[in-house]
Amino acid sequence: MSYPIVLEDEEKIVVIYSDEPHQYVEEDNGVTIYYSRLWEVVKIVIKKDDKHHIIRL
């Protein structure tokens, strides 16, 4: 599988960087970041609002 993978639905944008399980989670201002045991980013979840959205070109 080729990473990163970007998924989008009506409520959130998910960017997956790895299939490793997450061990740590940080959340700030509608953005949740999941980290591996070695503190590498595994996944980012962004809640959609006026500031966070995907622009398609």
N, C-alpha and C. Protein backbone atom coordinates (compact mmCIF):
# COMPACT_ATOMS: atom_id res chain seq x y z
N MET A 1 0.84 -1.17 0.00
CA MET A 1 0.00 0.00 0.00
C MET A 1 0.89 1.24 0.00
N SER A 2 0.46 2.24 -0.69
CA SER A 2 1.23 3.47 -0.83
C SER A 2 0.69 4.54 0.14
N TYR A 3 1.58 5.12 0.91
CA TYR A 3 1.20 6.13 1.90
C TYR A 3 1.75 7.48 1.51
N PRO A 4 1.15 8.57 1.90
CA PRO A 4 -0.04 8.71 2.74
C PRO A 4 -1.32 8.46 1.96
N ILE A 5 -2.35 8.08 2.71
CA ILE A 5 -3.69 7.86 2.17
C ILE A 5 -4.59 8.96 2.73
N VAL A 6 -5.32 9.64 1.87
CA VAL A 6 -6.23 10.70 2.31
C VAL A 6 -7.66 10.23 2.08
N LEU A 7 -8.44 10.24 3.17
CA LEU A 7 -9.85 9.87 3.11
C LEU A 7 -10.67 11.08 3.56
N GLU A 8 -11.82 11.25 2.95
CA GLU A 8 -12.66 12.39 3.28
C GLU A 8 -14.11 11.97 3.36
N ASP A 9 -14.81 12.43 4.39
CA ASP A 9 -16.25 12.27 4.44
C ASP A 9 -16.86 13.62 4.82
N GLU A 10 -18.13 13.65 5.14
CA GLU A 10 -18.81 14.92 5.40
C GLU A 10 -18.30 15.61 6.66
N GLU A 11 -17.78 14.87 7.62
CA GLU A 11 -17.41 15.44 8.92
C GLU A 11 -15.91 15.61 9.13
N LYS A 12 -15.08 14.82 8.43
CA LYS A 12 -13.66 14.85 8.73
C LYS A 12 -12.79 14.48 7.53
N ILE A 13 -11.51 14.83 7.65
CA ILE A 13 -10.48 14.44 6.70
C ILE A 13 -9.49 13.57 7.47
N VAL A 14 -9.15 12.42 6.94
CA VAL A 14 -8.22 11.51 7.61
C VAL A 14 -7.02 11.30 6.69
N VAL A 15 -5.82 11.50 7.25
CA VAL A 15 -4.58 11.25 6.51
C VAL A 15 -3.85 10.14 7.24
N ILE A 16 -3.66 9.01 6.56
CA ILE A 16 -3.02 7.84 7.16
C ILE A 16 -1.60 7.73 6.62
N TYR A 17 -0.63 7.69 7.53
CA TYR A 17 0.77 7.63 7.15
C TYR A 17 1.38 6.24 7.33
N SER A 18 0.71 5.38 8.10
CA SER A 18 1.27 4.07 8.39
C SER A 18 0.16 3.16 8.89
N ASP A 19 0.36 1.85 8.77
CA ASP A 19 -0.61 0.90 9.31
C ASP A 19 -0.24 0.44 10.72
N GLU A 20 0.78 1.05 11.32
CA GLU A 20 1.16 0.73 12.69
C GLU A 20 0.06 1.13 13.66
N PRO A 21 -0.12 0.39 14.75
CA PRO A 21 -1.11 0.81 15.75
C PRO A 21 -0.63 2.06 16.49
N HIS A 22 -1.57 2.90 16.88
CA HIS A 22 -1.18 4.11 17.60
C HIS A 22 -1.04 3.83 19.10
N GLN A 23 -0.13 4.55 19.73
CA GLN A 23 0.10 4.42 21.17
C GLN A 23 -0.20 5.71 21.92
N TYR A 24 -0.07 6.84 21.23
CA TYR A 24 -0.26 8.14 21.85
C TYR A 24 -1.18 8.98 20.98
N VAL A 25 -1.94 9.87 21.62
CA VAL A 25 -2.88 10.73 20.90
C VAL A 25 -2.77 12.15 21.44
N GLU A 26 -2.73 13.12 20.54
CA GLU A 26 -2.78 14.54 20.91
C GLU A 26 -3.92 15.18 20.13
N GLU A 27 -4.66 16.06 20.79
CA GLU A 27 -5.75 16.76 20.12
C GLU A 27 -5.64 18.25 20.41
N ASP A 28 -5.80 19.06 19.36
CA ASP A 28 -5.74 20.50 19.52
C ASP A 28 -6.52 21.17 18.40
N ASN A 29 -7.48 21.99 18.78
CA ASN A 29 -8.20 22.82 17.82
C ASN A 29 -8.83 22.02 16.67
N GLY A 30 -9.45 20.88 16.99
CA GLY A 30 -10.13 20.09 15.98
C GLY A 30 -9.25 19.15 15.18
N VAL A 31 -7.96 19.08 15.52
CA VAL A 31 -7.03 18.18 14.83
C VAL A 31 -6.53 17.14 15.83
N THR A 32 -6.69 15.87 15.49
CA THR A 32 -6.23 14.78 16.34
C THR A 32 -5.08 14.07 15.64
N ILE A 33 -3.95 13.93 16.34
CA ILE A 33 -2.76 13.29 15.77
C ILE A 33 -2.48 12.02 16.56
N TYR A 34 -2.34 10.91 15.86
CA TYR A 34 -2.05 9.62 16.46
C TYR A 34 -0.59 9.27 16.19
N TYR A 35 0.13 8.86 17.23
CA TYR A 35 1.55 8.55 17.14
C TYR A 35 1.81 7.08 17.44
N SER A 36 2.88 6.55 16.85
CA SER A 36 3.32 5.20 17.14
C SER A 36 4.10 5.18 18.45
N ARG A 37 4.55 4.03 18.85
CA ARG A 37 5.34 3.87 20.07
C ARG A 37 6.62 4.70 20.01
N LEU A 38 7.16 4.91 18.80
CA LEU A 38 8.39 5.68 18.62
C LEU A 38 8.10 7.15 18.30
N TRP A 39 6.88 7.60 18.55
CA TRP A 39 6.45 8.98 18.32
C TRP A 39 6.50 9.40 16.86
N GLU A 40 6.29 8.46 15.96
CA GLU A 40 6.14 8.78 14.54
C GLU A 40 4.64 8.94 14.25
N VAL A 41 4.30 9.89 13.41
CA VAL A 41 2.89 10.13 13.09
C VAL A 41 2.33 8.94 12.32
N VAL A 42 1.23 8.40 12.82
CA VAL A 42 0.55 7.27 12.18
C VAL A 42 -0.66 7.75 11.39
N LYS A 43 -1.42 8.70 12.00
CA LYS A 43 -2.65 9.16 11.38
C LYS A 43 -2.99 10.54 11.91
N ILE A 44 -3.59 11.36 11.06
CA ILE A 44 -4.10 12.68 11.45
C ILE A 44 -5.57 12.74 11.06
N VAL A 45 -6.41 13.17 12.01
CA VAL A 45 -7.84 13.34 11.75
C VAL A 45 -8.16 14.82 11.95
N ILE A 46 -8.74 15.43 10.91
CA ILE A 46 -9.06 16.86 10.93
C ILE A 46 -10.57 17.02 10.79
N LYS A 47 -11.19 17.63 11.78
CA LYS A 47 -12.63 17.90 11.68
C LYS A 47 -12.84 19.02 10.68
N LYS A 48 -13.80 18.85 9.79
CA LYS A 48 -14.07 19.87 8.77
C LYS A 48 -14.80 21.06 9.40
N ASP A 49 -14.35 22.23 9.02
CA ASP A 49 -15.02 23.48 9.38
C ASP A 49 -14.62 24.53 8.35
N ASP A 50 -14.81 25.79 8.66
CA ASP A 50 -14.48 26.84 7.70
C ASP A 50 -12.99 26.92 7.41
N LYS A 51 -12.13 26.54 8.38
CA LYS A 51 -10.68 26.61 8.19
C LYS A 51 -10.10 25.33 7.62
N HIS A 52 -10.76 24.19 7.83
CA HIS A 52 -10.22 22.90 7.42
C HIS A 52 -11.11 22.25 6.38
N HIS A 53 -10.61 22.17 5.16
CA HIS A 53 -11.34 21.52 4.07
C HIS A 53 -10.34 21.21 2.95
N ILE A 54 -10.74 20.33 2.07
CA ILE A 54 -9.89 19.97 0.93
C ILE A 54 -10.31 20.81 -0.27
N ILE A 55 -9.33 21.38 -0.93
CA ILE A 55 -9.60 22.13 -2.17
C ILE A 55 -9.20 21.22 -3.34
N ARG A 56 -10.13 20.95 -4.20
CA ARG A 56 -9.86 20.09 -5.35
C ARG A 56 -9.54 20.97 -6.54
N LEU A 57 -8.40 20.66 -7.19
CA LEU A 57 -8.00 21.43 -8.36
C LEU A 57 -8.31 20.69 -9.63
